[in-house]
Amino acid sequence: MRLMLMLAFVFLLQSGLAETGKAESVVVKTTGRAIVGMTTAELKELTDALPALLPNEVRVLAITIQSGSKATVRTGKIDGPLSGGGEMYELSKKDGRWIISGRYNWIS
């Protein structure tokens, strides 16, 4: 699943959608593999919680879903191949609320 999301992210970068900020949708086809993730209600709950968890004006590049109670949010800026940086936040749902359980810097 993580590989499929990363491939979709690479497609977004190559097509320029991630850089333009346009709200366009991309269809990712799978090959019969089970997809484990969140319901749309759980995803809405996560995205509604992000403004309170992340610093102001941060750019979200990707959200990777591990389960209904775990996700990773990749933030930062990408200027081109091997030119970017930001932070990755590991989020966990504890007692019905989303919290940051880990934070890492990334650079390329």
C-alpha atoms as a PDB file:
ATOM      1  CA  MET A   1       0.000   0.000   0.000  1.00  0.00           C
ATOM      2  CA  ARG A   2       2.771   2.429   0.913  1.00  0.00           C
ATOM      3  CA  LEU A   3       4.502   1.680  -2.393  1.00  0.00           C
ATOM      4  CA  MET A   4       1.283   2.346  -4.336  1.00  0.00           C
ATOM      5  CA  LEU A   5       0.817   5.683  -2.552  1.00  0.00           C
ATOM      6  CA  MET A   6       4.429   6.654  -3.214  1.00  0.00           C
ATOM      7  CA  LEU A   7       4.025   5.749  -6.894  1.00  0.00           C
ATOM      8  CA  ALA A   8       0.910   7.928  -7.019  1.00  0.00           C
ATOM      9  CA  PHE A   9       2.900  10.725  -5.346  1.00  0.00           C
ATOM     10  CA  VAL A  10       5.675  10.357  -7.929  1.00  0.00           C
ATOM     11  CA  PHE A  11       3.035  10.546 -10.667  1.00  0.00           C
ATOM     12  CA  LEU A  12       1.707  13.776  -9.157  1.00  0.00           C
ATOM     13  CA  LEU A  13       5.188  15.265  -9.104  1.00  0.00           C
ATOM     14  CA  GLN A  14       5.963  14.227 -12.648  1.00  0.00           C
ATOM     15  CA  SER A  15       2.665  15.551 -13.945  1.00  0.00           C
ATOM     16  CA  GLY A  16       3.137  18.873 -12.157  1.00  0.00           C
ATOM     17  CA  LEU A  17      -0.124  18.632 -10.202  1.00  0.00           C
ATOM     18  CA  ALA A  18       1.605  18.817  -6.826  1.00  0.00           C
ATOM     19  CA  GLU A  19       3.445  21.987  -7.794  1.00  0.00           C
ATOM     20  CA  THR A  20       0.490  23.853  -9.296  1.00  0.00           C
ATOM     21  CA  GLY A  21      -1.759  23.406  -6.274  1.00  0.00           C
ATOM     22  CA  LYS A  22      -4.759  22.801  -8.533  1.00  0.00           C
ATOM     23  CA  ALA A  23      -7.513  20.662  -7.081  1.00  0.00           C
ATOM     24  CA  GLU A  24      -7.437  17.885  -9.645  1.00  0.00           C
ATOM     25  CA  SER A  25      -8.044  14.217  -8.992  1.00  0.00           C
ATOM     26  CA  VAL A  26      -5.886  11.317 -10.076  1.00  0.00           C
ATOM     27  CA  VAL A  27      -7.182   7.768 -10.447  1.00  0.00           C
ATOM     28  CA  VAL A  28      -4.835   5.090  -9.122  1.00  0.00           C
ATOM     29  CA  LYS A  29      -5.617   1.569 -10.283  1.00  0.00           C
ATOM     30  CA  THR A  30      -4.714  -1.396  -8.112  1.00  0.00           C
ATOM     31  CA  THR A  31      -4.030  -4.964  -9.141  1.00  0.00           C
ATOM     32  CA  GLY A  32      -6.274  -6.997  -6.862  1.00  0.00           C
ATOM     33  CA  ARG A  33      -4.390  -6.222  -3.661  1.00  0.00           C
ATOM     34  CA  ALA A  34      -6.353  -5.568  -0.496  1.00  0.00           C
ATOM     35  CA  ILE A  35      -6.444  -1.917   0.530  1.00  0.00           C
ATOM     36  CA  VAL A  36      -6.431  -1.305   4.267  1.00  0.00           C
ATOM     37  CA  GLY A  37      -7.100   2.213   5.425  1.00  0.00           C
ATOM     38  CA  MET A  38      -9.793   4.528   6.693  1.00  0.00           C
ATOM     39  CA  THR A  39     -13.416   5.084   6.029  1.00  0.00           C
ATOM     40  CA  THR A  40     -14.327   8.446   4.519  1.00  0.00           C
ATOM     41  CA  ALA A  41     -15.649   9.549   7.921  1.00  0.00           C
ATOM     42  CA  GLU A  42     -12.314   8.654   9.578  1.00  0.00           C
ATOM     43  CA  LEU A  43     -10.403  10.476   6.830  1.00  0.00           C
ATOM     44  CA  LYS A  44     -12.562  13.593   7.300  1.00  0.00           C
ATOM     45  CA  GLU A  45     -11.929  13.436  11.049  1.00  0.00           C
ATOM     46  CA  LEU A  46      -8.166  13.259  10.403  1.00  0.00           C
ATOM     47  CA  THR A  47      -8.111  16.125   7.911  1.00  0.00           C
ATOM     48  CA  ASP A  48     -10.284  18.264  10.219  1.00  0.00           C
ATOM     49  CA  ALA A  49      -7.721  17.698  13.020  1.00  0.00           C
ATOM     50  CA  LEU A  50      -4.661  18.663  10.912  1.00  0.00           C
ATOM     51  CA  PRO A  51      -4.878  22.479  11.301  1.00  0.00           C
ATOM     52  CA  ALA A  52      -4.658  22.152  15.091  1.00  0.00           C
ATOM     53  CA  LEU A  53      -1.785  19.627  14.925  1.00  0.00           C
ATOM     54  CA  LEU A  54       0.489  21.113  12.261  1.00  0.00           C
ATOM     55  CA  PRO A  55       2.219  24.518  12.157  1.00  0.00           C
ATOM     56  CA  ASN A  56       0.463  27.356  10.305  1.00  0.00           C
ATOM     57  CA  GLU A  57       0.963  27.638   6.559  1.00  0.00           C
ATOM     58  CA  VAL A  58       2.599  24.209   6.242  1.00  0.00           C
ATOM     59  CA  ARG A  59       2.173  22.524   2.843  1.00  0.00           C
ATOM     60  CA  VAL A  60       0.865  18.959   3.011  1.00  0.00           C
ATOM     61  CA  LEU A  61       2.474  16.882   0.252  1.00  0.00           C
ATOM     62  CA  ALA A  62       1.081  13.436   1.072  1.00  0.00           C
ATOM     63  CA  ILE A  63      -0.916  11.515   3.648  1.00  0.00           C
ATOM     64  CA  THR A  64      -0.139   7.815   4.052  1.00  0.00           C
ATOM     65  CA  ILE A  65      -2.792   5.782   5.875  1.00  0.00           C
ATOM     66  CA  GLN A  66      -1.631   2.771   7.884  1.00  0.00           C
ATOM     67  CA  SER A  67      -4.956   2.051   9.614  1.00  0.00           C
ATOM     68  CA  GLY A  68      -8.011   3.787  11.012  1.00  0.00           C
ATOM     69  CA  SER A  69      -5.882   5.062  13.899  1.00  0.00           C
ATOM     70  CA  LYS A  70      -2.453   5.637  12.306  1.00  0.00           C
ATOM     71  CA  ALA A  71      -1.289   7.922   9.516  1.00  0.00           C
ATOM     72  CA  THR A  72       1.823   9.726   8.308  1.00  0.00           C
ATOM     73  CA  VAL A  73       1.646  13.267   6.948  1.00  0.00           C
ATOM     74  CA  ARG A  74       4.499  14.462   4.737  1.00  0.00           C
ATOM     75  CA  THR A  75       4.908  18.241   4.593  1.00  0.00           C
ATOM     76  CA  GLY A  76       7.376  20.601   2.970  1.00  0.00           C
ATOM     77  CA  LYS A  77       8.347  21.969  -0.392  1.00  0.00           C
ATOM     78  CA  ILE A  78       9.659  20.297  -3.541  1.00  0.00           C
ATOM     79  CA  ASP A  79      11.389  22.511  -6.092  1.00  0.00           C
ATOM     80  CA  GLY A  80      12.454  19.714  -8.434  1.00  0.00           C
ATOM     81  CA  PRO A  81      14.288  16.397  -8.569  1.00  0.00           C
ATOM     82  CA  LEU A  82      16.569  16.120  -5.544  1.00  0.00           C
ATOM     83  CA  SER A  83      15.569  19.595  -4.399  1.00  0.00           C
ATOM     84  CA  GLY A  84      13.200  19.718  -1.452  1.00  0.00           C
ATOM     85  CA  GLY A  85      12.752  19.302   2.251  1.00  0.00           C
ATOM     86  CA  GLY A  86      10.246  19.298   5.051  1.00  0.00           C
ATOM     87  CA  GLU A  87       8.916  17.228   7.907  1.00  0.00           C
ATOM     88  CA  MET A  88       7.046  13.963   8.326  1.00  0.00           C
ATOM     89  CA  TYR A  89       4.555  13.639  11.148  1.00  0.00           C
ATOM     90  CA  GLU A  90       3.413  10.274  12.468  1.00  0.00           C
ATOM     91  CA  LEU A  91      -0.119  10.623  13.805  1.00  0.00           C
ATOM     92  CA  SER A  92      -1.965   8.259  16.132  1.00  0.00           C
ATOM     93  CA  LYS A  93      -5.481   8.294  17.438  1.00  0.00           C
ATOM     94  CA  LYS A  94      -5.530   8.071  21.258  1.00  0.00           C
ATOM     95  CA  ASP A  95      -8.693   8.312  23.335  1.00  0.00           C
ATOM     96  CA  GLY A  96     -10.650   9.497  20.289  1.00  0.00           C
ATOM     97  CA  ARG A  97      -8.242  12.353  19.428  1.00  0.00           C
ATOM     98  CA  TRP A  98      -5.439  12.590  16.873  1.00  0.00           C
ATOM     99  CA  ILE A  99      -1.973  13.287  18.326  1.00  0.00           C
ATOM    100  CA  ILE A 100       1.527  13.601  16.898  1.00  0.00           C
ATOM    101  CA  SER A 101       3.423  10.465  17.923  1.00  0.00           C
ATOM    102  CA  GLY A 102       6.595  11.193  15.910  1.00  0.00           C
ATOM    103  CA  ARG A 103       8.218  13.979  13.890  1.00  0.00           C
ATOM    104  CA  TYR A 104      11.090  13.652  11.431  1.00  0.00           C
ATOM    105  CA  ASN A 105      12.897  16.002   9.037  1.00  0.00           C
ATOM    106  CA  TRP A 106      13.491  14.972   5.413  1.00  0.00           C
ATOM    107  CA  ILE A 107      15.630  16.492   2.695  1.00  0.00           C
ATOM    108  CA  SER A 108      16.554  15.574  -0.860  1.00  0.00           C
END
